[in-house]
Amino acid sequence: MPRWISFAAFLAEAERAPRDGARQTLVDELLEERTRWPWIEGGKATFIYNSVGVKHGVALNMDSVKGDPPLVAMTNLHGTSLWYITRPFAEDDLLDYLIAVDDPMTPLAQERDILGRISTHWRVDPANPLRMHTTQQDVSVLQMGRARPFTDWLVLRSVPHGRVTEFSFDSLQLGYKGRKLWVYAPPGYEQSGLAYPLLILQDGQWMSGPLQVPFIADALIKHGRLKPLVIAMLQSGTPEERDREYVSNDKHYASTLLELLPFVQTRYQIDSTQIGIGGVSAGAIAAAHAVLKNPAVFNSLMLISPPLGKGSDDALLSQYSERFESAPVLPSRVFQSVGRYEAKARFVKPAQALHDIFLRRLGEGSRYTEIGSGHGLVAFRSILPEALAWVFPV
């Protein structure tokens, strides 16, 4: 039976103890008893950081923290190496976060070397094994009691796996060569002799990597939630190229239609009557633009956290609601999601307005979900199983 039934109970006992080492002994006992953090109690969570090397302070960084910098200071239990903070959360929150150690706490807007500051001071939570691994920055994950599952789809060993083939892809329309294209074929594809639906996803380096789309598809197909399909995942360029190519760019649409689609169709057996397209963030904008340009080709659409409101390129992006409202034809199935902690003017309010249009025009062909997350890969991976199952259901 645990010694402490709550963190508050531990804290009360520790604060009554003298600072001559007895407090640190209690800390050591707590960490021996509870090895997995944060400590979630109903609608609140307690984060800790335990280190004797802290010079200035420790803080928590996550999407639900507003301000610049987006950090909230943790408290040191005097006379010990323990830093802690308890905060309220919604019971379905699923949030990525980092621990900032000895951060200067100055505004990021004035920071000349943001990446250097993050790599020096911000780190994953050593007390929390639930993490998201990426090539840029690993993050820790807070999963409240009623949050969406955050599964590591790679470890599902009993699931038959499809095959992912990597190609090199060139685009005359956009003027680049040698980007990677990953194409997923479902289990049994080679032996079936059938033509398969095709889903085109932007940001292929995320989709085939940390977002684990091929492994999600394997599991959904096995359990009868997703129609067996081919998925093409094309690498995006640099951040500057990505924004330029993805935001209402007719050349990107032309590259998708005239270069990428034929490339896949000549190598895979594709049912041309079942082609979908989707993306996350700006990649969702590229997908929406392609659908609006040619709804006869793309009959399903996946929009995960598109930035449709106030901010960069807002003059172009604010037009999407009107474009969908006035489009003579829409895809037969649309999946749309947004995170509760994303910027309201940039993401949440435009998403709600667009949902009203889809609901009115498509009825049961439209699915809309608000999740207890911010804008990041943790949120995107948590919603992808529902998104995939919706756009190509069995």
Protein backbone atom coordinates (compact mmCIF):
# COMPACT_ATOMS: atom_id res chain seq x y z
CA MET A 1 0.00 0.00 0.00
CA PRO A 2 1.44 3.41 -0.96
CA ARG A 3 2.58 5.64 1.87
CA TRP A 4 1.07 8.80 0.35
CA ILE A 5 -2.41 8.85 -1.18
CA SER A 6 -1.80 12.20 -2.88
CA PHE A 7 1.02 14.57 -3.69
CA ALA A 8 -0.53 17.10 -1.33
CA ALA A 9 -0.25 14.55 1.48
CA PHE A 10 3.42 14.02 0.71
CA LEU A 11 4.04 17.76 0.54
CA ALA A 12 2.36 18.39 3.89
CA GLU A 13 4.51 15.75 5.57
CA ALA A 14 7.68 16.99 3.89
CA GLU A 15 7.07 20.58 4.92
CA ARG A 16 6.63 19.51 8.53
CA ALA A 17 9.95 17.68 8.48
CA PRO A 18 13.18 19.51 9.43
CA ARG A 19 15.54 20.60 6.65
CA ASP A 20 18.57 18.76 8.03
CA GLY A 21 18.23 15.86 5.62
CA ALA A 22 14.89 14.45 6.75
CA ARG A 23 13.11 16.21 3.88
CA GLN A 24 15.49 14.78 1.32
CA THR A 25 14.96 11.33 2.79
CA LEU A 26 11.24 11.73 2.24
CA VAL A 27 11.87 12.83 -1.35
CA ASP A 28 14.01 9.76 -1.95
CA GLU A 29 11.29 7.54 -0.51
CA LEU A 30 8.65 9.19 -2.69
CA LEU A 31 10.67 8.66 -5.86
CA GLU A 32 11.36 5.07 -4.92
CA GLU A 33 7.65 4.45 -4.32
CA ARG A 34 6.38 6.35 -7.38
CA THR A 35 8.58 5.83 -10.43
CA ARG A 36 6.25 7.20 -13.10
CA TRP A 37 5.25 10.87 -13.36
CA PRO A 38 3.29 13.13 -13.72
CA TRP A 39 1.10 12.12 -10.79
CA ILE A 40 -2.45 12.43 -12.12
CA GLU A 41 -5.23 12.91 -9.57
CA GLY A 42 -8.64 13.54 -11.10
CA GLY A 43 -8.47 16.86 -12.94
CA LYS A 44 -4.94 17.82 -11.94
CA ALA A 45 -1.40 16.64 -12.59
CA THR A 46 1.81 17.12 -10.63
CA PHE A 47 5.12 17.36 -12.48
CA ILE A 48 8.48 17.02 -10.77
CA TYR A 49 12.15 17.48 -11.56
CA ASN A 50 14.76 16.05 -9.22
CA SER A 51 18.33 17.32 -9.53
CA VAL A 52 21.03 18.82 -7.33
CA GLY A 53 22.51 20.75 -10.25
CA VAL A 54 19.85 23.45 -10.64
CA LYS A 55 21.29 26.94 -10.33
CA HIS A 56 18.44 29.33 -11.10
CA GLY A 57 15.18 27.45 -11.41
CA VAL A 58 13.00 24.95 -13.25
CA ALA A 59 9.90 25.61 -15.35
CA LEU A 60 7.26 23.71 -17.29
CA ASN A 61 6.65 24.31 -21.01
CA MET A 62 3.46 23.15 -22.72
CA ASP A 63 0.82 24.33 -25.20
CA SER A 64 -1.71 25.23 -22.52
CA VAL A 65 0.70 27.74 -20.95
CA LYS A 66 0.04 31.19 -22.36
CA GLY A 67 2.55 34.02 -22.49
CA ASP A 68 6.07 34.66 -23.67
CA PRO A 69 8.00 32.65 -22.76
CA PRO A 70 5.44 29.81 -22.56
CA LEU A 71 6.85 28.66 -19.23
CA VAL A 72 5.44 28.39 -15.73
CA ALA A 73 7.89 28.22 -12.85
CA MET A 74 8.15 25.14 -10.66
CA THR A 75 8.66 25.36 -6.88
CA ASN A 76 11.60 23.95 -4.99
CA LEU A 77 10.89 22.00 -1.83
CA HIS A 78 13.33 23.81 0.46
CA GLY A 79 16.18 21.71 1.67
CA THR A 80 15.79 19.13 -1.12
CA SER A 81 16.61 18.53 -4.76
CA LEU A 82 12.91 18.31 -5.71
CA TRP A 83 11.11 20.84 -7.91
CA TYR A 84 7.37 20.49 -8.46
CA ILE A 85 4.24 22.05 -9.87
CA THR A 86 0.57 21.00 -9.78
CA ARG A 87 -1.79 22.31 -12.44
CA PRO A 88 -5.43 21.66 -13.40
CA PHE A 89 -6.25 19.99 -16.72
CA ALA A 90 -9.29 18.75 -18.57
CA GLU A 91 -9.72 15.03 -18.15
CA ASP A 92 -9.26 14.41 -21.90
CA ASP A 93 -6.09 16.50 -22.28
CA LEU A 94 -3.22 14.99 -24.25
CA LEU A 95 -0.36 17.49 -24.27
CA ASP A 96 3.30 17.46 -25.10
CA TYR A 97 5.65 19.28 -22.77
CA LEU A 98 9.27 19.90 -21.82
CA ILE A 99 11.13 20.76 -18.63
CA ALA A 100 13.17 23.97 -18.78
CA VAL A 101 16.18 24.01 -16.45
CA ASP A 102 17.96 27.31 -15.71
CA ASP A 103 16.18 28.99 -18.61
CA PRO A 104 16.66 32.80 -18.57
CA MET A 105 12.83 33.21 -18.67
CA THR A 106 13.17 36.14 -21.08
CA PRO A 107 10.66 36.54 -23.95
CA LEU A 108 11.28 34.26 -26.92
CA ALA A 109 10.31 37.16 -29.17
CA GLN A 110 13.58 38.85 -28.14
CA GLU A 111 15.69 35.70 -28.37
CA ARG A 112 18.33 35.73 -31.13
CA ASP A 113 19.11 32.02 -30.87
CA ILE A 114 15.87 30.20 -30.01
CA LEU A 115 17.12 26.79 -31.13
CA GLY A 116 20.29 27.17 -29.07
CA ARG A 117 18.32 28.19 -26.02
CA ILE A 118 15.96 25.25 -26.34
CA SER A 119 18.74 22.72 -26.86
CA THR A 120 20.64 24.11 -23.85
CA HIS A 121 17.84 24.47 -21.32
CA TRP A 122 14.75 22.50 -22.44
CA ARG A 123 14.61 18.72 -22.08
CA VAL A 124 12.25 15.78 -21.84
CA ASP A 125 10.91 14.81 -18.44
CA PRO A 126 13.25 12.11 -17.07
CA ALA A 127 10.47 10.88 -14.77
CA ASN A 128 8.01 10.24 -17.62
CA PRO A 129 8.62 7.35 -20.06
CA LEU A 130 5.75 8.43 -22.35
CA ARG A 131 7.45 10.38 -25.12
CA MET A 132 7.25 11.34 -28.77
CA HIS A 133 10.47 10.75 -30.68
CA THR A 134 11.30 13.03 -33.63
CA THR A 135 14.45 13.92 -35.54
CA GLN A 136 14.33 17.48 -34.19
CA GLN A 137 13.20 17.33 -30.56
CA ASP A 138 11.83 14.56 -28.38
CA VAL A 139 8.94 15.67 -26.17
CA SER A 140 7.26 14.22 -23.09
CA VAL A 141 3.53 13.50 -23.14
CA LEU A 142 0.90 14.22 -20.50
CA GLN A 143 -2.01 11.80 -20.90
CA MET A 144 -4.91 12.58 -18.61
CA GLY A 145 -7.33 9.87 -17.52
CA ARG A 146 -9.80 10.23 -20.38
CA ALA A 147 -7.36 11.34 -23.06
CA ARG A 148 -7.14 9.69 -26.45
CA PRO A 149 -4.81 6.71 -26.60
CA PHE A 150 -1.24 7.62 -27.46
CA THR A 151 0.00 4.34 -28.85
CA ASP A 152 3.45 3.37 -30.05
CA TRP A 153 2.14 1.57 -33.12
CA LEU A 154 5.54 0.05 -33.89
CA VAL A 155 5.35 -2.38 -30.95
CA LEU A 156 2.14 -4.14 -32.04
CA ARG A 157 3.92 -7.33 -33.02
CA SER A 158 0.87 -9.46 -33.88
CA VAL A 159 -0.25 -7.07 -36.63
CA PRO A 160 0.61 -8.05 -40.24
CA HIS A 161 2.68 -5.31 -41.84
CA GLY A 162 2.39 -3.80 -45.27
CA ARG A 163 5.42 -2.75 -47.28
CA VAL A 164 6.82 0.78 -47.44
CA THR A 165 9.00 1.53 -50.48
CA GLU A 166 11.11 4.66 -50.73
CA PHE A 167 11.45 6.46 -54.07
CA SER A 168 13.23 9.57 -55.28
CA PHE A 169 10.78 12.09 -56.72
CA ASP A 170 11.37 15.13 -58.95
CA SER A 171 8.96 17.94 -59.76
CA LEU A 172 9.25 20.14 -62.82
CA GLN A 173 6.25 22.12 -61.65
CA LEU A 174 7.92 23.13 -58.38
CA GLY A 175 11.53 22.95 -59.56
CA TYR A 176 13.06 20.40 -57.19
CA LYS A 177 14.78 17.05 -57.50
CA GLY A 178 15.41 14.12 -55.23
CA ARG A 179 12.76 14.51 -52.55
CA LYS A 180 11.81 11.29 -50.84
CA LEU A 181 8.51 9.62 -51.53
CA TRP A 182 7.36 6.79 -49.30
CA VAL A 183 4.60 4.54 -50.64
CA TYR A 184 2.78 2.12 -48.37
CA ALA A 185 1.10 -0.98 -49.82
CA PRO A 186 -1.15 -2.99 -47.49
CA PRO A 187 -0.57 -6.59 -46.40
CA GLY A 188 -1.37 -8.99 -49.24
CA TYR A 189 -1.11 -6.34 -51.92
CA GLU A 190 1.28 -8.28 -54.19
CA GLN A 191 -0.86 -11.42 -54.23
CA SER A 192 -4.28 -9.82 -54.57
CA GLY A 193 -4.29 -8.57 -58.16
CA LEU A 194 -6.78 -5.91 -57.06
CA ALA A 195 -6.87 -2.16 -57.61
CA TYR A 196 -6.64 -0.22 -54.34
CA PRO A 197 -7.78 3.20 -53.13
CA LEU A 198 -5.03 5.81 -52.87
CA LEU A 199 -4.46 8.36 -50.12
CA ILE A 200 -1.94 11.16 -50.74
CA LEU A 201 -0.48 12.75 -47.61
CA GLN A 202 1.71 15.84 -47.33
CA ASP A 203 4.82 16.02 -45.09
CA GLY A 204 5.85 12.47 -45.84
CA GLN A 205 8.85 12.63 -43.52
CA TRP A 206 6.42 13.03 -40.60
CA MET A 207 3.75 10.66 -41.89
CA SER A 208 6.16 7.77 -42.49
CA GLY A 209 8.25 8.64 -39.42
CA PRO A 210 7.03 9.96 -36.04
CA LEU A 211 3.34 9.94 -37.00
CA GLN A 212 3.62 6.21 -37.81
CA VAL A 213 0.97 6.22 -40.55
CA PRO A 214 2.01 2.84 -42.07
CA PHE A 215 1.80 1.09 -38.70
CA ILE A 216 -1.53 2.76 -37.88
CA ALA A 217 -2.87 1.59 -41.24
CA ASP A 218 -1.67 -1.96 -40.54
CA ALA A 219 -3.57 -2.10 -37.24
CA LEU A 220 -6.75 -0.50 -38.60
CA ILE A 221 -6.79 -2.84 -41.61
CA LYS A 222 -6.33 -5.89 -39.40
CA HIS A 223 -9.26 -4.90 -37.18
CA GLY A 224 -11.58 -4.00 -40.06
CA ARG A 225 -11.58 -0.25 -39.42
CA LEU A 226 -9.78 0.84 -42.59
CA LYS A 227 -10.16 -0.28 -46.19
CA PRO A 228 -6.88 -1.75 -47.52
CA LEU A 229 -5.29 1.07 -49.50
CA VAL A 230 -2.09 2.53 -50.91
CA ILE A 231 -0.70 5.61 -49.15
CA ALA A 232 1.73 8.01 -50.86
CA MET A 233 3.69 10.24 -48.47
CA LEU A 234 5.83 12.90 -50.15
CA GLN A 235 8.59 14.74 -48.28
CA SER A 236 8.16 18.49 -47.90
CA GLY A 237 10.94 21.01 -48.41
CA THR A 238 12.53 23.48 -46.01
CA PRO A 239 10.16 25.48 -43.79
CA GLU A 240 10.26 28.34 -46.29
CA GLU A 241 9.66 26.00 -49.25
CA ARG A 242 6.90 24.23 -47.38
CA ASP A 243 4.93 27.41 -46.73
CA ARG A 244 5.44 28.64 -50.26
CA GLU A 245 4.40 25.35 -51.86
CA TYR A 246 1.53 24.38 -49.57
CA VAL A 247 -0.44 27.62 -49.23
CA SER A 248 -2.85 28.00 -52.18
CA ASN A 249 -0.18 27.17 -54.75
CA ASP A 250 -1.54 26.10 -58.15
CA LYS A 251 1.86 24.66 -59.06
CA HIS A 252 1.73 22.35 -56.06
CA TYR A 253 -1.72 21.21 -57.14
CA ALA A 254 -0.42 20.67 -60.68
CA SER A 255 2.54 18.69 -59.37
CA THR A 256 0.19 16.48 -57.35
CA LEU A 257 -2.17 15.89 -60.26
CA LEU A 258 0.26 15.71 -63.20
CA GLU A 259 3.43 14.34 -61.59
CA LEU A 260 2.82 12.56 -58.29
CA LEU A 261 -0.42 10.82 -59.19
CA PRO A 262 0.90 9.33 -62.49
CA PHE A 263 4.15 8.35 -60.72
CA VAL A 264 2.19 6.25 -58.23
CA GLN A 265 -0.33 4.92 -60.76
CA THR A 266 2.40 3.51 -63.01
CA ARG A 267 3.94 1.57 -60.11
CA TYR A 268 0.85 0.50 -58.12
CA GLN A 269 -2.61 -0.84 -58.91
CA ILE A 270 -4.81 2.15 -58.08
CA ASP A 271 -8.58 2.50 -58.26
CA SER A 272 -8.87 5.95 -59.83
CA THR A 273 -12.42 6.34 -58.49
CA GLN A 274 -11.15 6.26 -54.88
CA ILE A 275 -8.45 8.88 -54.36
CA GLY A 276 -8.14 10.91 -51.18
CA ILE A 277 -5.76 13.61 -50.04
CA GLY A 278 -4.88 15.08 -46.66
CA GLY A 279 -2.36 16.71 -44.41
CA VAL A 280 -1.62 18.38 -41.12
CA SER A 281 -1.21 22.11 -40.50
CA ALA A 282 -0.11 23.81 -43.75
CA GLY A 283 -0.18 20.41 -45.44
CA ALA A 284 -3.93 20.37 -44.85
CA ILE A 285 -4.13 23.67 -46.76
CA ALA A 286 -2.41 22.06 -49.75
CA ALA A 287 -4.88 19.17 -49.60
CA ALA A 288 -7.86 21.53 -49.39
CA HIS A 289 -6.61 23.56 -52.35
CA ALA A 290 -6.23 20.42 -54.48
CA VAL A 291 -9.75 19.26 -53.64
CA LEU A 292 -11.23 22.64 -54.47
CA LYS A 293 -9.33 22.73 -57.76
CA ASN A 294 -10.45 19.25 -58.80
CA PRO A 295 -13.14 17.51 -56.72
CA ALA A 296 -13.67 15.07 -59.59
CA VAL A 297 -10.31 13.46 -58.79
CA PHE A 298 -10.15 13.74 -54.99
CA ASN A 299 -13.28 12.33 -53.35
CA SER A 300 -12.11 12.28 -49.73
CA LEU A 301 -10.29 14.91 -47.68
CA MET A 302 -8.42 14.91 -44.38
CA LEU A 303 -7.88 18.28 -42.67
CA ILE A 304 -5.95 18.16 -39.41
CA SER A 305 -5.34 21.57 -37.78
CA PRO A 306 -5.20 23.77 -40.90
CA PRO A 307 -4.21 27.40 -40.08
CA LEU A 308 -7.17 29.12 -41.68
CA GLY A 309 -7.35 32.32 -39.67
CA LYS A 310 -5.44 35.32 -38.39
CA GLY A 311 -1.69 35.18 -39.02
CA SER A 312 0.67 34.77 -41.96
CA ASP A 313 -1.07 34.50 -45.35
CA ASP A 314 -4.43 35.14 -43.67
CA ALA A 315 -5.74 36.99 -46.71
CA LEU A 316 -5.47 33.76 -48.71
CA LEU A 317 -6.42 31.40 -45.93
CA SER A 318 -9.55 33.25 -44.85
CA GLN A 319 -11.01 32.54 -48.29
CA TYR A 320 -11.28 28.79 -47.74
CA SER A 321 -14.63 28.88 -45.98
CA GLU A 322 -16.14 30.84 -48.85
CA ARG A 323 -14.45 28.56 -51.38
CA PHE A 324 -15.93 25.46 -49.76
CA GLU A 325 -19.31 27.16 -49.38
CA SER A 326 -19.50 28.05 -53.06
CA ALA A 327 -17.84 24.94 -54.53
CA PRO A 328 -20.29 23.16 -56.86
CA VAL A 329 -18.98 19.75 -55.76
CA LEU A 330 -17.38 18.62 -52.50
CA PRO A 331 -15.62 15.37 -51.60
CA SER A 332 -17.99 12.66 -50.41
CA ARG A 333 -16.13 12.26 -47.11
CA VAL A 334 -14.32 14.94 -45.10
CA PHE A 335 -12.50 14.52 -41.79
CA GLN A 336 -11.62 17.65 -39.85
CA SER A 337 -9.99 18.15 -36.44
CA VAL A 338 -8.50 20.92 -34.32
CA GLY A 339 -6.85 21.13 -30.92
CA ARG A 340 -8.48 22.88 -27.97
CA TYR A 341 -5.22 24.66 -27.10
CA GLU A 342 -4.37 25.84 -30.59
CA ALA A 343 -4.60 29.59 -31.23
CA LYS A 344 -8.29 30.43 -31.39
CA ALA A 345 -8.15 33.04 -34.13
CA ARG A 346 -5.70 31.03 -36.22
CA PHE A 347 -7.10 27.52 -35.84
CA VAL A 348 -10.15 26.94 -33.62
CA LYS A 349 -12.70 29.53 -34.77
CA PRO A 350 -12.01 29.04 -38.51
CA ALA A 351 -12.25 25.26 -38.01
CA GLN A 352 -15.64 25.62 -36.32
CA ALA A 353 -16.90 27.84 -39.14
CA LEU A 354 -15.71 25.39 -41.77
CA HIS A 355 -17.32 22.53 -39.88
CA ASP A 356 -20.69 24.29 -40.09
CA ILE A 357 -20.31 24.43 -43.88
CA PHE A 358 -19.38 20.76 -44.20
CA LEU A 359 -22.16 19.69 -41.86
CA ARG A 360 -24.71 21.64 -43.84
CA ARG A 361 -23.49 20.47 -47.23
CA LEU A 362 -22.31 16.92 -46.54
CA GLY A 363 -24.31 15.85 -43.50
CA GLU A 364 -23.13 12.41 -42.41
CA GLY A 365 -20.22 12.54 -44.86
CA SER A 366 -18.48 15.02 -42.57
CA ARG A 367 -16.72 14.25 -39.28
CA TYR A 368 -15.39 16.98 -36.96
CA THR A 369 -13.43 16.46 -33.75
CA GLU A 370 -11.92 18.84 -31.20
CA ILE A 371 -9.20 17.19 -29.15
CA GLY A 372 -7.60 18.19 -25.85
CA SER A 373 -4.27 19.04 -27.43
CA GLY A 374 -2.23 21.83 -28.94
CA HIS A 375 -0.55 22.15 -32.33
CA GLY A 376 2.07 19.46 -32.67
CA LEU A 377 2.97 15.92 -33.66
CA VAL A 378 1.58 14.41 -30.45
CA ALA A 379 -1.87 15.76 -31.29
CA PHE A 380 -1.57 14.75 -34.93
CA ARG A 381 -0.60 11.15 -34.15
CA SER A 382 -3.41 10.76 -31.62
CA ILE A 383 -6.09 11.76 -34.15
CA LEU A 384 -4.75 9.98 -37.24
CA PRO A 385 -6.40 6.60 -36.54
CA GLU A 386 -9.83 8.25 -36.46
CA ALA A 387 -9.00 10.34 -39.53
CA LEU A 388 -7.82 7.39 -41.62
CA ALA A 389 -10.78 5.23 -40.61
CA TRP A 390 -13.17 8.01 -41.59
CA VAL A 391 -11.86 8.89 -45.05
CA PHE A 392 -11.61 5.25 -46.19
CA PRO A 393 -13.94 3.15 -44.02
CA VAL A 394 -14.54 -0.52 -44.64
